[in-house]
Amino acid sequence: MRQNERANDYAKRALRQEILLARGRLTAGDVWECATALADRALGLPELAHARTVAAYVSVGSEPGTLALLDALRARGVRVLLPALLPDNDLDWGAYTGEESLAHVRHGGGRLTLLEPSGERLGPDAVTGADVVLLPGLAVDARGMRLGRGGGSYDRVLARLERTGAHPALVVLLYGTEVVERVPEEPHDHPVHAVVTPSGVRRFG
C-alpha cells in the first residue's frame, strides 16, 4: 500500500470511529424521532415520488432509521428491494412486503446480525432495475463523496450499476452532523446525487 493510500485508509478509519462513537451516544428516542423526520424529508424527493422500484436497506442499531420510509414507499405502491449479505460481502436482493417479511440473519460467525428479506432471492443484478438506490453510510462531503463502513458491499453494488449502464439516483441517509467538509476518497469511490438528513436535503452536481 502506497503512502497516500495508507494515509487515506487511516483517515477513513478515524472518521468512522468518530461517527460511530457519536451514534453510540444516541438514545432510542433520538433514533425514533430522527427516523420519522428522515422519512418525511425523503418522501418529498422527486426521485422517490416517481420511482417504481427502490433498492433500500433496513437500518440496525443507531443507524438513521429506515423502516418508516420503507413502509411509506410500499403504501405508495413502490416495489422495495432489500439486500441480503452474501459470504463474499456482495449483496443479493429480495422484495420487502412488510416487517413480517424480514428475518434476523447472523453473519461472520454471529458477530453481525442483520434484518434481511426472508422471501425469494432475486440475484445481485436485481439492483440494476432500481430507479433509486438508498445507500447506508457514515458521512458524505460537499462533493457527494460517501464514507461507508468499509466492508465493500456497496462498492460492489455501485460498480455493478456502472458496469451494466444503470443510472439510478443515488441517495444516502444520514444524521445532520454527518455531512462533513471532506471525506477521504479512493479511485473506486462514487459520489452520490443527494443526502437526506432529518433537517433537509442537499444535492450534489
N, C-alpha and C. Protein backbone atom coordinates (compact mmCIF):
# COMPACT_ATOMS: atom_id res chain seq x y z
N MET A 1 0.85 -1.20 0.00
CA MET A 1 0.00 0.00 0.00
C MET A 1 0.88 1.24 0.00
N ARG A 2 0.68 2.16 -0.96
CA ARG A 2 1.47 3.36 -1.04
C ARG A 2 1.13 4.32 0.09
N GLN A 3 2.02 5.32 0.28
CA GLN A 3 1.89 6.20 1.44
C GLN A 3 0.56 6.95 1.43
N ASN A 4 0.14 7.50 0.26
CA ASN A 4 -1.11 8.25 0.23
C ASN A 4 -2.31 7.34 0.46
N GLU A 5 -2.21 6.08 0.01
CA GLU A 5 -3.29 5.13 0.26
C GLU A 5 -3.38 4.80 1.75
N ARG A 6 -2.22 4.64 2.39
CA ARG A 6 -2.20 4.39 3.84
C ARG A 6 -2.79 5.57 4.60
N ALA A 7 -2.46 6.78 4.16
CA ALA A 7 -2.98 7.97 4.84
C ALA A 7 -4.49 8.05 4.69
N ASN A 8 -5.00 7.75 3.48
CA ASN A 8 -6.45 7.76 3.25
C ASN A 8 -7.14 6.71 4.11
N ASP A 9 -6.52 5.52 4.17
CA ASP A 9 -7.11 4.44 4.95
C ASP A 9 -7.17 4.82 6.43
N TYR A 10 -6.10 5.42 6.93
CA TYR A 10 -6.09 5.85 8.34
C TYR A 10 -7.15 6.92 8.59
N ALA A 11 -7.24 7.88 7.66
CA ALA A 11 -8.21 8.97 7.82
C ALA A 11 -9.64 8.44 7.79
N LYS A 12 -9.90 7.47 6.93
CA LYS A 12 -11.24 6.87 6.88
C LYS A 12 -11.56 6.15 8.18
N ARG A 13 -10.61 5.37 8.68
CA ARG A 13 -10.85 4.63 9.92
C ARG A 13 -11.10 5.59 11.09
N ALA A 14 -10.34 6.69 11.13
CA ALA A 14 -10.52 7.66 12.22
C ALA A 14 -11.89 8.33 12.14
N LEU A 15 -12.33 8.68 10.93
CA LEU A 15 -13.63 9.32 10.77
C LEU A 15 -14.76 8.34 11.09
N ARG A 16 -14.60 7.10 10.66
CA ARG A 16 -15.60 6.08 11.01
C ARG A 16 -15.74 5.95 12.52
N GLN A 17 -14.62 5.85 13.21
CA GLN A 17 -14.65 5.69 14.66
C GLN A 17 -15.33 6.88 15.33
N GLU A 18 -15.04 8.08 14.87
CA GLU A 18 -15.62 9.30 15.44
C GLU A 18 -17.15 9.29 15.28
N ILE A 19 -17.62 8.92 14.09
CA ILE A 19 -19.06 8.94 13.82
C ILE A 19 -19.77 7.82 14.57
N LEU A 20 -19.17 6.65 14.61
CA LEU A 20 -19.79 5.53 15.33
C LEU A 20 -19.88 5.83 16.83
N LEU A 21 -18.89 6.50 17.38
CA LEU A 21 -18.95 6.89 18.79
C LEU A 21 -20.10 7.87 19.02
N ALA A 22 -20.27 8.82 18.11
CA ALA A 22 -21.36 9.78 18.24
C ALA A 22 -22.72 9.08 18.13
N ARG A 23 -22.84 8.15 17.20
CA ARG A 23 -24.10 7.40 17.06
C ARG A 23 -24.37 6.58 18.32
N GLY A 24 -23.32 6.07 18.92
CA GLY A 24 -23.49 5.25 20.11
C GLY A 24 -24.05 6.03 21.30
N ARG A 25 -23.96 7.35 21.24
CA ARG A 25 -24.48 8.17 22.33
C ARG A 25 -25.96 8.52 22.14
N LEU A 26 -26.54 8.15 21.00
CA LEU A 26 -27.95 8.45 20.75
C LEU A 26 -28.84 7.52 21.56
N THR A 27 -29.95 8.05 22.04
CA THR A 27 -30.94 7.22 22.74
C THR A 27 -31.90 6.62 21.72
N ALA A 28 -32.67 5.63 22.16
CA ALA A 28 -33.68 5.04 21.28
C ALA A 28 -34.69 6.11 20.84
N GLY A 29 -34.99 7.05 21.75
CA GLY A 29 -35.90 8.14 21.40
C GLY A 29 -35.33 9.05 20.34
N ASP A 30 -34.03 9.33 20.44
CA ASP A 30 -33.37 10.15 19.41
C ASP A 30 -33.48 9.49 18.04
N VAL A 31 -33.19 8.18 18.00
CA VAL A 31 -33.20 7.45 16.74
C VAL A 31 -34.61 7.43 16.14
N TRP A 32 -35.62 7.20 16.99
CA TRP A 32 -37.01 7.15 16.50
C TRP A 32 -37.44 8.51 15.96
N GLU A 33 -37.13 9.57 16.69
CA GLU A 33 -37.53 10.91 16.26
C GLU A 33 -36.87 11.28 14.93
N CYS A 34 -35.60 10.96 14.80
CA CYS A 34 -34.88 11.26 13.56
C CYS A 34 -35.40 10.42 12.40
N ALA A 35 -35.79 9.17 12.68
CA ALA A 35 -36.31 8.30 11.61
C ALA A 35 -37.59 8.86 11.04
N THR A 36 -38.46 9.39 11.89
CA THR A 36 -39.71 9.96 11.43
C THR A 36 -39.46 11.18 10.55
N ALA A 37 -38.57 12.07 11.01
CA ALA A 37 -38.24 13.25 10.22
C ALA A 37 -37.53 12.89 8.92
N LEU A 38 -36.67 11.89 8.99
CA LEU A 38 -35.94 11.45 7.80
C LEU A 38 -36.90 10.93 6.74
N ALA A 39 -37.90 10.13 7.15
CA ALA A 39 -38.88 9.60 6.20
C ALA A 39 -39.65 10.74 5.55
N ASP A 40 -40.06 11.74 6.34
CA ASP A 40 -40.80 12.87 5.79
C ASP A 40 -39.98 13.61 4.75
N ARG A 41 -38.71 13.84 5.05
CA ARG A 41 -37.85 14.55 4.10
C ARG A 41 -37.63 13.73 2.82
N ALA A 42 -37.34 12.45 3.01
CA ALA A 42 -37.05 11.60 1.85
C ALA A 42 -38.25 11.46 0.93
N LEU A 43 -39.44 11.36 1.51
CA LEU A 43 -40.65 11.18 0.70
C LEU A 43 -40.95 12.39 -0.17
N GLY A 44 -40.35 13.54 0.16
CA GLY A 44 -40.53 14.72 -0.66
C GLY A 44 -39.60 14.79 -1.86
N LEU A 45 -38.67 13.85 -1.96
CA LEU A 45 -37.75 13.84 -3.11
C LEU A 45 -38.50 13.52 -4.40
N PRO A 46 -38.32 14.32 -5.45
CA PRO A 46 -38.95 14.00 -6.74
C PRO A 46 -38.55 12.61 -7.26
N GLU A 47 -37.29 12.23 -6.99
CA GLU A 47 -36.83 10.91 -7.47
C GLU A 47 -37.66 9.79 -6.86
N LEU A 48 -38.00 9.91 -5.58
CA LEU A 48 -38.81 8.87 -4.93
C LEU A 48 -40.28 9.00 -5.32
N ALA A 49 -40.72 10.22 -5.61
CA ALA A 49 -42.12 10.43 -6.00
C ALA A 49 -42.44 9.71 -7.31
N HIS A 50 -41.43 9.59 -8.18
CA HIS A 50 -41.65 8.99 -9.50
C HIS A 50 -41.08 7.57 -9.61
N ALA A 51 -40.52 7.06 -8.53
CA ALA A 51 -39.86 5.74 -8.59
C ALA A 51 -40.88 4.61 -8.59
N ARG A 52 -40.59 3.60 -9.39
CA ARG A 52 -41.38 2.37 -9.36
C ARG A 52 -40.69 1.29 -8.54
N THR A 53 -39.35 1.30 -8.57
CA THR A 53 -38.57 0.34 -7.78
C THR A 53 -37.47 1.09 -7.04
N VAL A 54 -37.37 0.84 -5.74
CA VAL A 54 -36.35 1.46 -4.91
C VAL A 54 -35.56 0.36 -4.20
N ALA A 55 -34.25 0.39 -4.33
CA ALA A 55 -33.39 -0.50 -3.56
C ALA A 55 -33.00 0.24 -2.28
N ALA A 56 -33.27 -0.37 -1.14
CA ALA A 56 -33.05 0.30 0.14
C ALA A 56 -32.33 -0.67 1.08
N TYR A 57 -32.49 -0.48 2.38
CA TYR A 57 -31.88 -1.36 3.37
C TYR A 57 -32.62 -1.15 4.68
N VAL A 58 -32.45 -2.10 5.59
CA VAL A 58 -33.07 -1.99 6.91
C VAL A 58 -32.00 -1.51 7.89
N SER A 59 -32.27 -0.38 8.52
CA SER A 59 -31.31 0.16 9.48
C SER A 59 -31.22 -0.75 10.70
N VAL A 60 -30.06 -0.75 11.32
CA VAL A 60 -29.85 -1.52 12.55
C VAL A 60 -29.21 -0.62 13.59
N GLY A 61 -29.49 -0.90 14.86
CA GLY A 61 -28.87 -0.16 15.94
C GLY A 61 -29.18 1.32 15.86
N SER A 62 -28.14 2.15 15.93
CA SER A 62 -28.33 3.59 15.94
C SER A 62 -28.17 4.22 14.56
N GLU A 63 -28.22 3.42 13.49
CA GLU A 63 -28.24 3.98 12.15
C GLU A 63 -29.49 4.84 11.96
N PRO A 64 -29.43 5.84 11.09
CA PRO A 64 -30.66 6.58 10.77
C PRO A 64 -31.76 5.60 10.34
N GLY A 65 -32.90 5.67 11.00
CA GLY A 65 -33.94 4.65 10.82
C GLY A 65 -34.59 4.68 9.45
N THR A 66 -34.85 3.49 8.90
CA THR A 66 -35.43 3.41 7.56
C THR A 66 -36.80 2.73 7.49
N LEU A 67 -37.24 2.03 8.54
CA LEU A 67 -38.47 1.24 8.41
C LEU A 67 -39.69 2.10 8.10
N ALA A 68 -39.79 3.27 8.71
CA ALA A 68 -40.93 4.15 8.41
C ALA A 68 -40.94 4.54 6.94
N LEU A 69 -39.78 4.79 6.40
CA LEU A 69 -39.66 5.14 4.98
C LEU A 69 -40.02 3.96 4.08
N LEU A 70 -39.54 2.77 4.44
CA LEU A 70 -39.85 1.58 3.64
C LEU A 70 -41.36 1.35 3.58
N ASP A 71 -42.02 1.47 4.72
CA ASP A 71 -43.47 1.24 4.75
C ASP A 71 -44.23 2.32 3.97
N ALA A 72 -43.76 3.55 4.05
CA ALA A 72 -44.40 4.63 3.30
C ALA A 72 -44.24 4.43 1.80
N LEU A 73 -43.08 3.96 1.38
CA LEU A 73 -42.88 3.68 -0.05
C LEU A 73 -43.80 2.56 -0.52
N ARG A 74 -43.91 1.51 0.28
CA ARG A 74 -44.81 0.41 -0.08
C ARG A 74 -46.25 0.90 -0.18
N ALA A 75 -46.65 1.78 0.73
CA ALA A 75 -48.01 2.31 0.71
C ALA A 75 -48.29 3.10 -0.57
N ARG A 76 -47.23 3.63 -1.17
CA ARG A 76 -47.36 4.35 -2.45
C ARG A 76 -47.42 3.40 -3.64
N GLY A 77 -47.20 2.13 -3.39
CA GLY A 77 -47.16 1.17 -4.49
C GLY A 77 -45.78 0.95 -5.07
N VAL A 78 -44.76 1.43 -4.39
CA VAL A 78 -43.38 1.26 -4.87
C VAL A 78 -42.90 -0.15 -4.53
N ARG A 79 -42.21 -0.76 -5.46
CA ARG A 79 -41.55 -2.05 -5.19
C ARG A 79 -40.24 -1.76 -4.47
N VAL A 80 -40.09 -2.30 -3.26
CA VAL A 80 -38.91 -2.05 -2.45
C VAL A 80 -38.06 -3.31 -2.39
N LEU A 81 -36.80 -3.18 -2.76
CA LEU A 81 -35.83 -4.28 -2.70
C LEU A 81 -34.89 -4.06 -1.53
N LEU A 82 -34.62 -5.14 -0.81
CA LEU A 82 -33.70 -5.08 0.33
C LEU A 82 -32.55 -6.06 0.14
N PRO A 83 -31.38 -5.74 0.68
CA PRO A 83 -30.20 -6.59 0.47
C PRO A 83 -30.12 -7.76 1.43
N ALA A 84 -29.45 -8.80 0.95
CA ALA A 84 -29.07 -9.95 1.78
C ALA A 84 -27.58 -10.15 1.56
N LEU A 85 -26.83 -10.14 2.64
CA LEU A 85 -25.37 -10.21 2.55
C LEU A 85 -24.92 -11.61 2.18
N LEU A 86 -24.07 -11.69 1.15
CA LEU A 86 -23.52 -12.97 0.70
C LEU A 86 -22.16 -13.23 1.37
N PRO A 87 -21.68 -14.47 1.36
CA PRO A 87 -20.41 -14.79 2.04
C PRO A 87 -19.22 -13.97 1.56
N ASP A 88 -19.25 -13.53 0.29
CA ASP A 88 -18.12 -12.74 -0.23
C ASP A 88 -18.33 -11.24 -0.06
N ASN A 89 -19.35 -10.86 0.74
CA ASN A 89 -19.69 -9.45 1.01
C ASN A 89 -20.42 -8.77 -0.13
N ASP A 90 -20.73 -9.48 -1.21
CA ASP A 90 -21.61 -8.93 -2.24
C ASP A 90 -23.04 -8.98 -1.69
N LEU A 91 -23.98 -8.38 -2.41
CA LEU A 91 -25.36 -8.34 -1.96
C LEU A 91 -26.30 -8.99 -2.94
N ASP A 92 -27.13 -9.89 -2.44
CA ASP A 92 -28.29 -10.39 -3.16
C ASP A 92 -29.46 -9.48 -2.78
N TRP A 93 -30.62 -9.66 -3.40
CA TRP A 93 -31.75 -8.78 -3.13
C TRP A 93 -33.04 -9.58 -3.04
N GLY A 94 -33.98 -9.08 -2.24
CA GLY A 94 -35.30 -9.67 -2.12
C GLY A 94 -36.32 -8.57 -1.91
N ALA A 95 -37.59 -8.87 -2.15
CA ALA A 95 -38.64 -7.87 -2.03
C ALA A 95 -39.07 -7.68 -0.58
N TYR A 96 -39.35 -6.45 -0.22
CA TYR A 96 -39.89 -6.11 1.10
C TYR A 96 -41.40 -6.04 1.00
N THR A 97 -42.08 -6.84 1.81
CA THR A 97 -43.54 -6.85 1.78
C THR A 97 -44.13 -6.54 3.17
N GLY A 98 -43.34 -5.89 4.01
CA GLY A 98 -43.77 -5.58 5.36
C GLY A 98 -42.80 -6.17 6.37
N GLU A 99 -42.91 -5.72 7.62
CA GLU A 99 -41.97 -6.17 8.64
C GLU A 99 -41.98 -7.69 8.84
N GLU A 100 -43.14 -8.30 8.56
CA GLU A 100 -43.22 -9.76 8.71
C GLU A 100 -42.38 -10.50 7.68
N SER A 101 -41.94 -9.79 6.64
CA SER A 101 -41.12 -10.42 5.60
C SER A 101 -39.63 -10.34 5.91
N LEU A 102 -39.29 -9.83 7.10
CA LEU A 102 -37.89 -9.69 7.49
C LEU A 102 -37.48 -10.79 8.46
N ALA A 103 -36.23 -11.20 8.37
CA ALA A 103 -35.69 -12.21 9.27
C ALA A 103 -34.34 -11.75 9.79
N HIS A 104 -34.06 -12.06 11.06
CA HIS A 104 -32.73 -11.78 11.62
C HIS A 104 -31.76 -12.85 11.10
N VAL A 105 -30.69 -12.38 10.47
CA VAL A 105 -29.70 -13.30 9.90
C VAL A 105 -28.33 -12.95 10.47
N ARG A 106 -27.65 -13.96 11.00
CA ARG A 106 -26.32 -13.75 11.57
C ARG A 106 -25.24 -13.98 10.53
N HIS A 107 -24.23 -13.14 10.60
CA HIS A 107 -23.10 -13.25 9.67
C HIS A 107 -21.80 -13.21 10.48
N GLY A 108 -20.75 -13.66 9.84
CA GLY A 108 -19.43 -13.59 10.48
C GLY A 108 -19.35 -14.37 11.76
N GLY A 109 -19.94 -15.57 11.79
CA GLY A 109 -19.90 -16.38 12.99
C GLY A 109 -20.71 -15.81 14.13
N GLY A 110 -21.74 -15.02 13.78
CA GLY A 110 -22.63 -14.45 14.79
C GLY A 110 -22.23 -13.08 15.27
N ARG A 111 -21.14 -12.52 14.72
CA ARG A 111 -20.69 -11.20 15.17
C ARG A 111 -21.59 -10.08 14.65
N LEU A 112 -22.28 -10.33 13.54
CA LEU A 112 -23.12 -9.31 12.91
C LEU A 112 -24.49 -9.90 12.62
N THR A 113 -25.54 -9.23 13.09
CA THR A 113 -26.91 -9.66 12.82
C THR A 113 -27.62 -8.57 12.03
N LEU A 114 -28.18 -8.95 10.89
CA LEU A 114 -28.88 -8.01 10.02
C LEU A 114 -30.32 -8.47 9.82
N LEU A 115 -31.19 -7.52 9.52
CA LEU A 115 -32.55 -7.83 9.10
C LEU A 115 -32.57 -7.91 7.58
N GLU A 116 -32.92 -9.10 7.07
CA GLU A 116 -32.88 -9.33 5.63
C GLU A 116 -34.22 -9.89 5.15
N PRO A 117 -34.53 -9.72 3.86
CA PRO A 117 -35.78 -10.27 3.33
C PRO A 117 -35.77 -11.79 3.40
N SER A 118 -36.87 -12.36 3.84
CA SER A 118 -36.91 -13.82 4.03
C SER A 118 -37.45 -14.56 2.81
N GLY A 119 -37.93 -13.83 1.81
CA GLY A 119 -38.54 -14.47 0.65
C GLY A 119 -37.54 -14.81 -0.45
N GLU A 120 -38.03 -14.89 -1.65
CA GLU A 120 -37.25 -15.30 -2.82
C GLU A 120 -36.06 -14.37 -3.05
N ARG A 121 -34.92 -14.95 -3.35
CA ARG A 121 -33.73 -14.18 -3.72
C ARG A 121 -33.79 -13.88 -5.22
N LEU A 122 -33.51 -12.62 -5.55
CA LEU A 122 -33.66 -12.15 -6.92
C LEU A 122 -32.33 -12.03 -7.65
N GLY A 123 -31.22 -12.24 -6.94
CA GLY A 123 -29.90 -12.16 -7.56
C GLY A 123 -29.26 -10.79 -7.41
N PRO A 124 -27.92 -10.74 -7.41
CA PRO A 124 -27.22 -9.47 -7.24
C PRO A 124 -27.55 -8.42 -8.30
N ASP A 125 -27.93 -8.86 -9.51
CA ASP A 125 -28.22 -7.90 -10.57
C ASP A 125 -29.59 -7.25 -10.45
N ALA A 126 -30.41 -7.69 -9.49
CA ALA A 126 -31.74 -7.10 -9.34
C ALA A 126 -31.67 -5.60 -9.07
N VAL A 127 -30.59 -5.16 -8.42
CA VAL A 127 -30.45 -3.75 -8.09
C VAL A 127 -30.35 -2.88 -9.34
N THR A 128 -29.95 -3.44 -10.46
CA THR A 128 -29.79 -2.64 -11.68
C THR A 128 -31.14 -2.17 -12.23
N GLY A 129 -32.24 -2.74 -11.75
CA GLY A 129 -33.56 -2.31 -12.19
C GLY A 129 -34.17 -1.24 -11.31
N ALA A 130 -33.44 -0.77 -10.31
CA ALA A 130 -33.98 0.24 -9.39
C ALA A 130 -33.91 1.63 -10.00
N ASP A 131 -34.92 2.44 -9.71
CA ASP A 131 -34.91 3.85 -10.11
C ASP A 131 -34.12 4.70 -9.12
N VAL A 132 -34.13 4.27 -7.86
CA VAL A 132 -33.40 4.96 -6.80
C VAL A 132 -32.72 3.89 -5.94
N VAL A 133 -31.48 4.15 -5.55
CA VAL A 133 -30.78 3.30 -4.58
C VAL A 133 -30.50 4.14 -3.34
N LEU A 134 -31.09 3.72 -2.22
CA LEU A 134 -30.83 4.37 -0.94
C LEU A 134 -29.65 3.66 -0.29
N LEU A 135 -28.60 4.43 -0.03
CA LEU A 135 -27.34 3.86 0.44
C LEU A 135 -27.13 4.14 1.93
N PRO A 136 -26.70 3.14 2.68
CA PRO A 136 -26.26 3.42 4.05
C PRO A 136 -24.91 4.12 4.00
N GLY A 137 -24.57 4.79 5.05
CA GLY A 137 -23.28 5.46 5.09
C GLY A 137 -23.01 6.00 6.47
N LEU A 138 -21.83 6.56 6.63
CA LEU A 138 -21.45 7.20 7.88
C LEU A 138 -21.23 8.70 7.70
N ALA A 139 -20.92 9.13 6.48
CA ALA A 139 -20.71 10.54 6.22
C ALA A 139 -20.77 10.78 4.72
N VAL A 140 -20.98 12.05 4.37
CA VAL A 140 -20.87 12.48 2.98
C VAL A 140 -20.30 13.90 3.02
N ASP A 141 -19.54 14.25 1.97
CA ASP A 141 -18.93 15.57 1.98
C ASP A 141 -19.56 16.49 0.94
N ALA A 142 -19.00 17.68 0.79
CA ALA A 142 -19.57 18.71 -0.07
C ALA A 142 -19.55 18.32 -1.54
N ARG A 143 -18.76 17.31 -1.89
CA ARG A 143 -18.71 16.85 -3.28
C ARG A 143 -19.65 15.69 -3.52
N GLY A 144 -20.26 15.18 -2.45
CA GLY A 144 -21.11 14.00 -2.59
C GLY A 144 -20.37 12.70 -2.37
N MET A 145 -19.10 12.77 -1.95
CA MET A 145 -18.36 11.54 -1.69
C MET A 145 -18.84 10.93 -0.37
N ARG A 146 -19.12 9.64 -0.41
CA ARG A 146 -19.72 8.94 0.73
C ARG A 146 -18.69 8.09 1.45
N LEU A 147 -18.79 8.07 2.78
CA LEU A 147 -17.97 7.17 3.59
C LEU A 147 -18.86 6.03 4.07
N GLY A 148 -18.51 4.80 3.68
CA GLY A 148 -19.23 3.63 4.14
C GLY A 148 -18.54 3.01 5.34
N ARG A 149 -19.00 1.84 5.71
CA ARG A 149 -18.42 1.16 6.88
C ARG A 149 -17.13 0.42 6.57
N GLY A 150 -16.82 0.27 5.30
CA GLY A 150 -15.55 -0.35 4.94
C GLY A 150 -15.63 -1.79 4.53
N GLY A 151 -16.84 -2.37 4.49
CA GLY A 151 -16.98 -3.77 4.10
C GLY A 151 -16.92 -4.00 2.60
N GLY A 152 -17.18 -2.96 1.83
CA GLY A 152 -17.08 -3.07 0.37
C GLY A 152 -18.33 -3.54 -0.33
N SER A 153 -19.40 -3.86 0.41
CA SER A 153 -20.61 -4.39 -0.23
C SER A 153 -21.21 -3.39 -1.22
N TYR A 154 -21.30 -2.14 -0.81
CA TYR A 154 -21.91 -1.15 -1.71
C TYR A 154 -20.94 -0.66 -2.77
N ASP A 155 -19.64 -0.81 -2.56
CA ASP A 155 -18.70 -0.57 -3.66
C ASP A 155 -18.99 -1.54 -4.80
N ARG A 156 -19.34 -2.77 -4.46
CA ARG A 156 -19.67 -3.76 -5.49
C ARG A 156 -20.98 -3.40 -6.18
N VAL A 157 -21.93 -2.93 -5.39
CA VAL A 157 -23.21 -2.52 -5.97
C VAL A 157 -23.00 -1.38 -6.97
N LEU A 158 -22.25 -0.37 -6.55
CA LEU A 158 -22.02 0.77 -7.42
C LEU A 158 -21.22 0.39 -8.66
N ALA A 159 -20.26 -0.51 -8.51
CA ALA A 159 -19.51 -0.99 -9.67
C ALA A 159 -20.42 -1.76 -10.62
N ARG A 160 -21.35 -2.54 -10.07
CA ARG A 160 -22.29 -3.30 -10.90
C ARG A 160 -23.21 -2.36 -11.69
N LEU A 161 -23.68 -1.31 -11.03
CA LEU A 161 -24.52 -0.33 -11.72
C LEU A 161 -23.76 0.32 -12.87
N GLU A 162 -22.51 0.68 -12.61
CA GLU A 162 -21.71 1.31 -13.66
C GLU A 162 -21.44 0.34 -14.81
N ARG A 163 -21.13 -0.89 -14.46
CA ARG A 163 -20.79 -1.90 -15.47
C ARG A 163 -21.97 -2.21 -16.39
N THR A 164 -23.18 -2.19 -15.84
CA THR A 164 -24.37 -2.53 -16.62
C THR A 164 -25.02 -1.32 -17.27
N GLY A 165 -24.46 -0.14 -17.03
CA GLY A 165 -25.03 1.07 -17.63
C GLY A 165 -26.30 1.54 -16.95
N ALA A 166 -26.56 1.08 -15.73
CA ALA A 166 -27.73 1.54 -14.98
C ALA A 166 -27.41 2.88 -14.31
N HIS A 167 -28.40 3.77 -14.27
CA HIS A 167 -28.17 5.10 -13.72
C HIS A 167 -29.27 5.51 -12.74
N PRO A 168 -29.45 4.77 -11.65
CA PRO A 168 -30.44 5.18 -10.66
C PRO A 168 -29.95 6.41 -9.90
N ALA A 169 -30.88 7.11 -9.27
CA ALA A 169 -30.49 8.18 -8.36
C ALA A 169 -29.88 7.53 -7.12
N LEU A 170 -28.73 8.03 -6.69
CA LEU A 170 -28.02 7.51 -5.51
C LEU A 170 -28.22 8.49 -4.36
N VAL A 171 -28.87 8.02 -3.31
CA VAL A 171 -29.22 8.88 -2.18
C VAL A 171 -28.74 8.23 -0.89
N VAL A 172 -28.02 8.99 -0.06
CA VAL A 172 -27.54 8.46 1.21
C VAL A 172 -28.35 9.10 2.34
N LEU A 173 -28.66 8.32 3.37
CA LEU A 173 -29.46 8.76 4.51
C LEU A 173 -28.55 8.91 5.72
N LEU A 174 -28.51 10.11 6.30
CA LEU A 174 -27.58 10.39 7.40
C LEU A 174 -28.22 11.30 8.45
N TYR A 175 -27.54 11.41 9.59
CA TYR A 175 -27.85 12.46 10.55
C TYR A 175 -27.18 13.76 10.08
N GLY A 176 -27.72 14.88 10.53
CA GLY A 176 -27.22 16.17 10.05
C GLY A 176 -25.76 16.41 10.32
N THR A 177 -25.25 15.95 11.45
CA THR A 177 -23.84 16.17 11.80
C THR A 177 -22.88 15.35 10.94
N GLU A 178 -23.43 14.43 10.14
CA GLU A 178 -22.58 13.53 9.34
C GLU A 178 -22.32 14.06 7.93
N VAL A 179 -22.84 15.26 7.63
CA VAL A 179 -22.47 15.95 6.40
C VAL A 179 -21.23 16.78 6.74
N VAL A 180 -20.09 16.37 6.22
CA VAL A 180 -18.80 16.93 6.65
C VAL A 180 -18.12 17.67 5.51
N GLU A 181 -17.02 18.33 5.84
CA GLU A 181 -16.31 19.12 4.83
C GLU A 181 -15.67 18.24 3.76
N ARG A 182 -15.04 17.16 4.21
CA ARG A 182 -14.36 16.30 3.22
C ARG A 182 -14.25 14.87 3.74
N VAL A 183 -14.52 13.93 2.86
CA VAL A 183 -14.36 12.50 3.12
C VAL A 183 -13.15 12.01 2.33
N PRO A 184 -12.21 11.30 2.96
CA PRO A 184 -11.09 10.74 2.20
C PRO A 184 -11.62 9.81 1.11
N GLU A 185 -11.09 9.94 -0.10
CA GLU A 185 -11.61 9.14 -1.21
C GLU A 185 -10.52 8.28 -1.83
N GLU A 186 -10.99 7.22 -2.50
CA GLU A 186 -10.13 6.32 -3.26
C GLU A 186 -10.63 6.27 -4.69
N PRO A 187 -9.81 5.78 -5.63
CA PRO A 187 -10.21 5.82 -7.05
C PRO A 187 -11.54 5.14 -7.35
N HIS A 188 -11.91 4.10 -6.56
CA HIS A 188 -13.15 3.37 -6.85
C HIS A 188 -14.38 4.02 -6.24
N ASP A 189 -14.22 5.09 -5.45
CA ASP A 189 -15.35 5.71 -4.78
C ASP A 189 -16.22 6.48 -5.78
N HIS A 190 -17.54 6.41 -5.56
CA HIS A 190 -18.51 7.09 -6.43
C HIS A 190 -19.25 8.15 -5.63
N PRO A 191 -19.43 9.36 -6.19
CA PRO A 191 -20.25 10.35 -5.49
C PRO A 191 -21.73 9.99 -5.58
N VAL A 192 -22.49 10.41 -4.57
CA VAL A 192 -23.93 10.23 -4.58
C VAL A 192 -24.58 11.48 -5.16
N HIS A 193 -25.87 11.39 -5.47
CA HIS A 193 -26.58 12.54 -6.03
C HIS A 193 -27.19 13.43 -4.96
N ALA A 194 -27.52 12.86 -3.81
CA ALA A 194 -28.15 13.65 -2.75
C ALA A 194 -27.95 12.98 -1.41
N VAL A 195 -28.03 13.78 -0.36
CA VAL A 195 -28.05 13.28 1.01
C VAL A 195 -29.33 13.80 1.66
N VAL A 196 -30.00 12.91 2.39
CA VAL A 196 -31.19 13.30 3.16
C VAL A 196 -30.85 13.17 4.63
N THR A 197 -31.12 14.24 5.38
CA THR A 197 -30.98 14.22 6.84
C THR A 197 -32.33 14.60 7.43
N PRO A 198 -32.52 14.45 8.73
CA PRO A 198 -33.79 14.83 9.32
C PRO A 198 -34.16 16.30 9.12
N SER A 199 -33.17 17.13 8.85
CA SER A 199 -33.44 18.56 8.70
C SER A 199 -33.55 19.03 7.26
N GLY A 200 -33.24 18.18 6.30
CA GLY A 200 -33.34 18.63 4.91
C GLY A 200 -32.62 17.75 3.91
N VAL A 201 -32.53 18.25 2.69
CA VAL A 201 -31.92 17.55 1.56
C VAL A 201 -30.82 18.42 0.96
N ARG A 202 -29.72 17.79 0.65
CA ARG A 202 -28.66 18.50 -0.07
C ARG A 202 -28.31 17.72 -1.32
N ARG A 203 -28.23 18.42 -2.43
CA ARG A 203 -27.92 17.78 -3.71
C ARG A 203 -26.51 18.10 -4.15
N PHE A 204 -25.97 17.22 -4.99
CA PHE A 204 -24.61 17.39 -5.47
C PHE A 204 -24.62 17.39 -7.00
N GLY A 205 -23.66 18.11 -7.57
CA GLY A 205 -23.65 18.31 -9.02
C GLY A 205 -23.54 17.05 -9.81
